[in-house]
Amino acid sequence: MSRLANKFADLKASGRKALIPFITAGDPYPEFTVPLLHEMVAAGADVIELGVPFSDPMADGPVIQRASERALSHHTGLRKVLSMAMEFRKTDQDTPLVLMGYLNPIEIMGYEDFANAAQRADVDGVLTVDLPPEESEACVSLLRERGIDQIFLLAPNTNAERIQKMDAVGSGYLYYVSLKGVTGAGHLDTADVEQKLQLIRQNTALPVGVGFGVKDADTAKTIAAIADGVVVGSALISKIEANLDDPQQARHEIITLLKSMREAMDV
């Protein structure tokens, strides 16, 4: 079993749900990232999504867009992100690490070179926002050969047939985008999310994480009651943006928020 499969199995056996924080690698500067990853694990993170900065992050709202801009100003590209993953793995062999980003940097590197580099960095999963399952065979097969999960996004309007396609080629977990729009936007309709999760679970046995709209401990608790994992991104990155002149305060606020989410999810 993969690290992700083991993690979700262990959580299910203990009656707990996955807390999955997302941060953009290199924001606000490269040296900030790896220590924060370790602190997030200590605060209760079960899986980490590490964002690969991109100049045109079409699915991301303004908060994460600006995070990418800050990271790119420090030349944080895909290879540097993989180096961060490798550095993280030197002292953490347990926490699943998922790279989340867009297809363009992978295509520039080349699928095989990327798959080899991701394997060397001991990455567990890749979530490529703009890679549809119908066009994923080349990338998925290379990653699968190296024990790396390809994770897909589900939208509120994803139908049963398409869920089945993602189930057939994907692994690790599925990420349900709970809102129509970009990250950090809108208000979660819990009843609507629960109804959609019923359809998803009729068409896949993969765990389902829910994100896009998780802002605080109360939201995390509500989503944890109906999903297998809770993904939080913009709410964390906003702490960095609000404290650009005091990164240690940003780190403190991120860890405080994650601890409150973990506690609420475990009650």
Protein backbone atom coordinates (compact mmCIF):
# COMPACT_ATOMS: atom_id res chain seq x y z
CA MET A 1 0.00 0.00 0.00
CA SER A 2 1.08 3.56 -0.65
CA ARG A 3 1.74 6.05 2.13
CA LEU A 4 -1.56 7.76 1.28
CA ALA A 5 -3.53 4.50 1.30
CA ASN A 6 -1.98 3.55 4.63
CA LYS A 7 -2.74 6.94 6.13
CA PHE A 8 -6.41 6.90 5.16
CA ALA A 9 -6.74 3.27 6.30
CA ASP A 10 -5.22 4.09 9.68
CA LEU A 11 -7.48 7.13 10.09
CA LYS A 12 -10.58 5.13 9.20
CA ALA A 13 -9.63 2.42 11.68
CA SER A 14 -9.34 5.01 14.44
CA GLY A 15 -12.53 6.84 13.48
CA ARG A 16 -10.71 10.04 12.51
CA LYS A 17 -10.60 12.19 9.39
CA ALA A 18 -7.62 13.59 7.52
CA LEU A 19 -6.57 17.19 8.03
CA ILE A 20 -4.93 18.25 4.76
CA PRO A 21 -3.32 21.72 4.76
CA PHE A 22 -2.14 23.37 1.56
CA ILE A 23 0.61 25.96 1.31
CA THR A 24 2.45 27.39 -1.66
CA ALA A 25 6.10 26.36 -1.72
CA GLY A 26 8.45 29.33 -1.45
CA ASP A 27 5.90 31.72 0.04
CA PRO A 28 6.87 34.20 1.43
CA TYR A 29 10.44 32.98 0.79
CA PRO A 30 11.95 29.52 0.13
CA GLU A 31 13.54 28.95 3.54
CA PHE A 32 10.14 29.36 5.21
CA THR A 33 8.60 26.28 3.64
CA VAL A 34 10.22 23.11 4.99
CA PRO A 35 10.22 24.15 8.68
CA LEU A 36 6.54 25.06 8.32
CA LEU A 37 5.77 21.64 6.85
CA HIS A 38 7.20 19.98 9.93
CA GLU A 39 5.31 22.32 12.25
CA MET A 40 2.05 21.60 10.44
CA VAL A 41 2.57 17.88 10.99
CA ALA A 42 3.20 18.51 14.69
CA ALA A 43 -0.03 20.56 14.77
CA GLY A 44 -2.07 17.62 13.50
CA ALA A 45 -1.76 17.55 9.70
CA ASP A 46 -2.21 14.06 8.27
CA VAL A 47 -1.42 14.80 4.62
CA ILE A 48 0.24 17.90 3.16
CA GLU A 49 -0.48 19.46 -0.22
CA LEU A 50 2.52 21.47 -1.36
CA GLY A 51 1.63 23.97 -4.05
CA VAL A 52 3.95 24.39 -7.03
CA PRO A 53 3.97 28.13 -7.90
CA PHE A 54 2.67 28.94 -11.37
CA SER A 55 2.27 32.20 -13.23
CA ASP A 56 -1.33 31.52 -14.33
CA PRO A 57 -3.05 29.56 -11.53
CA MET A 58 -6.52 29.57 -13.08
CA ALA A 59 -8.30 27.60 -10.34
CA ASP A 60 -6.90 29.67 -7.50
CA GLY A 61 -8.38 32.79 -5.97
CA PRO A 62 -6.49 36.03 -5.34
CA VAL A 63 -4.92 34.86 -2.07
CA ILE A 64 -3.16 31.86 -3.62
CA GLN A 65 -2.44 33.77 -6.84
CA ARG A 66 -0.50 36.33 -4.83
CA ALA A 67 1.28 33.53 -2.95
CA SER A 68 2.48 32.14 -6.28
CA GLU A 69 3.69 35.60 -7.30
CA ARG A 70 5.67 35.97 -4.09
CA ALA A 71 7.19 32.50 -4.50
CA LEU A 72 8.04 33.07 -8.16
CA SER A 73 9.79 36.33 -7.25
CA HIS A 74 12.23 34.07 -5.38
CA HIS A 75 12.57 31.77 -8.42
CA THR A 76 10.71 28.90 -6.77
CA GLY A 77 10.14 26.58 -9.70
CA LEU A 78 9.22 22.91 -9.89
CA ARG A 79 12.77 21.65 -9.37
CA LYS A 80 13.17 23.75 -6.24
CA VAL A 81 9.85 22.45 -4.92
CA LEU A 82 11.06 18.89 -5.45
CA SER A 83 14.22 19.78 -3.54
CA MET A 84 12.04 21.02 -0.67
CA ALA A 85 10.12 17.75 -0.72
CA MET A 86 13.39 15.84 -0.55
CA GLU A 87 14.56 17.98 2.38
CA PHE A 88 11.26 17.39 4.22
CA ARG A 89 11.52 13.65 3.70
CA LYS A 90 14.95 13.47 5.35
CA THR A 91 13.32 13.76 8.78
CA ASP A 92 9.72 12.73 8.10
CA GLN A 93 9.19 9.30 6.61
CA ASP A 94 5.54 9.02 7.59
CA THR A 95 3.52 12.02 6.39
CA PRO A 96 2.15 11.77 2.83
CA LEU A 97 3.24 14.69 0.66
CA VAL A 98 1.24 15.68 -2.42
CA LEU A 99 2.45 18.15 -5.04
CA MET A 100 -0.42 20.32 -6.26
CA GLY A 101 -0.13 22.51 -9.32
CA TYR A 102 -0.58 22.83 -13.05
CA LEU A 103 0.48 20.81 -16.05
CA ASN A 104 2.72 23.36 -17.78
CA PRO A 105 5.78 23.03 -15.48
CA ILE A 106 5.55 19.23 -15.69
CA GLU A 107 5.35 19.31 -19.48
CA ILE A 108 8.37 21.61 -19.64
CA MET A 109 10.38 19.22 -17.47
CA GLY A 110 9.01 16.21 -19.35
CA TYR A 111 6.73 13.54 -17.91
CA GLU A 112 9.43 10.92 -17.41
CA ASP A 113 11.99 13.32 -15.93
CA PHE A 114 9.31 14.66 -13.60
CA ALA A 115 8.22 11.18 -12.53
CA ASN A 116 11.83 10.19 -11.82
CA ALA A 117 12.46 13.39 -9.87
CA ALA A 118 9.25 12.97 -7.87
CA GLN A 119 10.27 9.41 -7.01
CA ARG A 120 13.72 10.57 -5.87
CA ALA A 121 12.04 13.19 -3.69
CA ASP A 122 9.77 10.47 -2.23
CA VAL A 123 6.62 12.36 -3.19
CA ASP A 124 3.43 10.39 -2.58
CA GLY A 125 0.96 12.04 -4.90
CA VAL A 126 0.51 14.58 -7.66
CA LEU A 127 -2.61 16.68 -8.10
CA THR A 128 -2.54 18.43 -11.46
CA VAL A 129 -5.44 20.86 -11.59
CA ASP A 130 -5.72 21.12 -15.37
CA LEU A 131 -5.06 17.47 -16.30
CA PRO A 132 -8.35 15.77 -17.23
CA PRO A 133 -8.58 12.00 -16.79
CA GLU A 134 -9.14 11.55 -20.53
CA GLU A 135 -5.67 12.96 -21.25
CA SER A 136 -3.83 11.59 -18.24
CA GLU A 137 -2.68 8.14 -19.37
CA ALA A 138 0.92 9.07 -20.21
CA CYS A 139 1.52 10.86 -16.93
CA VAL A 140 -0.48 8.48 -14.75
CA SER A 141 1.29 5.36 -16.03
CA LEU A 142 4.74 6.81 -15.35
CA LEU A 143 3.75 7.88 -11.85
CA ARG A 144 2.01 4.58 -11.07
CA GLU A 145 5.14 2.65 -12.08
CA ARG A 146 6.99 4.63 -9.40
CA GLY A 147 4.37 4.19 -6.70
CA ILE A 148 3.06 7.76 -6.93
CA ASP A 149 -0.67 8.47 -6.81
CA GLN A 150 -2.38 10.73 -9.35
CA ILE A 151 -5.14 12.66 -7.61
CA PHE A 152 -8.04 14.26 -9.46
CA LEU A 153 -10.40 17.14 -8.73
CA LEU A 154 -14.16 16.69 -8.70
CA ALA A 155 -16.46 19.67 -9.19
CA PRO A 156 -20.07 20.18 -8.06
CA ASN A 157 -21.25 19.45 -11.60
CA THR A 158 -19.15 16.28 -12.10
CA ASN A 159 -21.47 13.47 -13.15
CA ALA A 160 -21.34 9.76 -12.30
CA GLU A 161 -19.68 8.75 -15.58
CA ARG A 162 -16.83 11.18 -15.05
CA ILE A 163 -16.39 10.15 -11.43
CA GLN A 164 -15.97 6.59 -12.67
CA LYS A 165 -13.28 7.72 -15.12
CA MET A 166 -11.37 9.43 -12.32
CA ASP A 167 -11.78 6.37 -10.13
CA ALA A 168 -10.35 4.18 -12.91
CA VAL A 169 -7.16 6.21 -13.41
CA GLY A 170 -6.76 8.00 -10.08
CA SER A 171 -5.55 6.78 -6.72
CA GLY A 172 -4.75 8.05 -3.25
CA TYR A 173 -7.88 10.12 -2.82
CA LEU A 174 -10.25 12.36 -4.76
CA TYR A 175 -10.43 16.08 -4.03
CA TYR A 176 -13.97 17.43 -4.12
CA VAL A 177 -14.09 21.14 -4.94
CA SER A 178 -17.11 22.12 -2.88
CA LEU A 179 -17.77 25.46 -4.57
CA LYS A 180 -18.23 26.65 -8.13
CA GLY A 181 -15.45 29.17 -8.55
CA VAL A 182 -11.90 29.63 -7.31
CA THR A 183 -10.18 28.83 -4.02
CA GLY A 184 -11.17 30.92 -1.03
CA ALA A 185 -14.46 32.05 -2.54
CA GLY A 186 -18.03 31.67 -1.40
CA HIS A 187 -19.76 29.92 1.47
CA LEU A 188 -20.03 26.18 1.96
CA ASP A 189 -23.48 24.65 1.61
CA THR A 190 -23.04 21.59 3.82
CA ALA A 191 -26.26 19.92 2.71
CA ASP A 192 -25.25 20.28 -0.92
CA VAL A 193 -21.78 18.87 -0.19
CA GLU A 194 -23.28 15.91 1.65
CA GLN A 195 -25.64 15.16 -1.23
CA LYS A 196 -22.78 15.30 -3.74
CA LEU A 197 -20.63 13.03 -1.59
CA GLN A 198 -23.37 10.40 -1.74
CA LEU A 199 -23.12 10.38 -5.54
CA ILE A 200 -19.32 10.29 -5.42
CA ARG A 201 -19.25 7.35 -3.03
CA GLN A 202 -21.64 5.40 -5.23
CA ASN A 203 -18.98 5.56 -7.95
CA THR A 204 -15.65 5.21 -6.14
CA ALA A 205 -14.13 3.51 -3.12
CA LEU A 206 -11.36 6.12 -2.91
CA PRO A 207 -11.32 8.47 0.09
CA VAL A 208 -12.73 11.92 -0.62
CA GLY A 209 -11.26 15.15 0.69
CA VAL A 210 -13.28 18.36 0.56
CA GLY A 211 -11.79 21.82 0.06
CA PHE A 212 -12.45 25.30 -1.37
CA GLY A 213 -14.27 27.10 1.44
CA VAL A 214 -12.84 25.61 4.64
CA LYS A 215 -11.97 28.65 6.73
CA ASP A 216 -12.06 27.80 10.43
CA ALA A 217 -12.47 25.10 13.07
CA ASP A 218 -16.27 25.05 12.81
CA THR A 219 -16.16 24.52 9.05
CA ALA A 220 -13.52 21.82 9.43
CA LYS A 221 -15.64 19.99 12.01
CA THR A 222 -18.74 20.16 9.80
CA ILE A 223 -16.90 18.80 6.75
CA ALA A 224 -15.09 16.11 8.76
CA ALA A 225 -18.49 14.72 9.75
CA ILE A 226 -19.32 13.89 6.13
CA ALA A 227 -15.99 13.58 4.26
CA ASP A 228 -12.81 11.54 4.63
CA GLY A 229 -10.58 14.58 4.65
CA VAL A 230 -10.67 18.34 5.12
CA VAL A 231 -8.48 20.48 2.86
CA VAL A 232 -7.57 24.01 3.95
CA GLY A 233 -5.46 26.39 1.89
CA SER A 234 -6.48 30.02 1.46
CA ALA A 235 -7.23 30.42 5.17
CA LEU A 236 -3.61 29.46 5.92
CA ILE A 237 -2.00 31.48 3.18
CA SER A 238 -3.96 34.57 4.22
CA LYS A 239 -2.03 34.37 7.51
CA ILE A 240 1.21 34.68 5.56
CA GLU A 241 -0.09 37.57 3.49
CA ALA A 242 -1.27 39.44 6.60
CA ASN A 243 2.13 39.08 8.25
CA LEU A 244 4.66 39.57 5.48
CA ASP A 245 6.74 41.77 7.79
CA ASP A 246 6.63 39.14 10.55
CA PRO A 247 6.88 35.58 9.17
CA GLN A 248 7.17 34.09 12.66
CA GLN A 249 3.78 35.56 13.53
CA ALA A 250 2.39 34.07 10.31
CA ARG A 251 3.75 30.66 11.32
CA HIS A 252 2.24 31.02 14.79
CA GLU A 253 -1.20 31.90 13.39
CA ILE A 254 -1.11 29.03 10.89
CA ILE A 255 -0.23 26.50 13.57
CA THR A 256 -2.85 27.91 15.94
CA LEU A 257 -5.54 27.56 13.25
CA LEU A 258 -4.53 24.02 12.38
CA LYS A 259 -4.51 22.96 16.03
CA SER A 260 -8.01 24.38 16.47
CA MET A 261 -9.18 22.48 13.37
CA ARG A 262 -7.60 19.25 14.55
CA GLU A 263 -9.21 19.57 17.96
CA ALA A 264 -12.63 20.36 16.48
CA MET A 265 -12.40 17.46 14.02
CA ASP A 266 -11.50 14.98 16.75
CA VAL A 267 -14.31 15.86 19.16
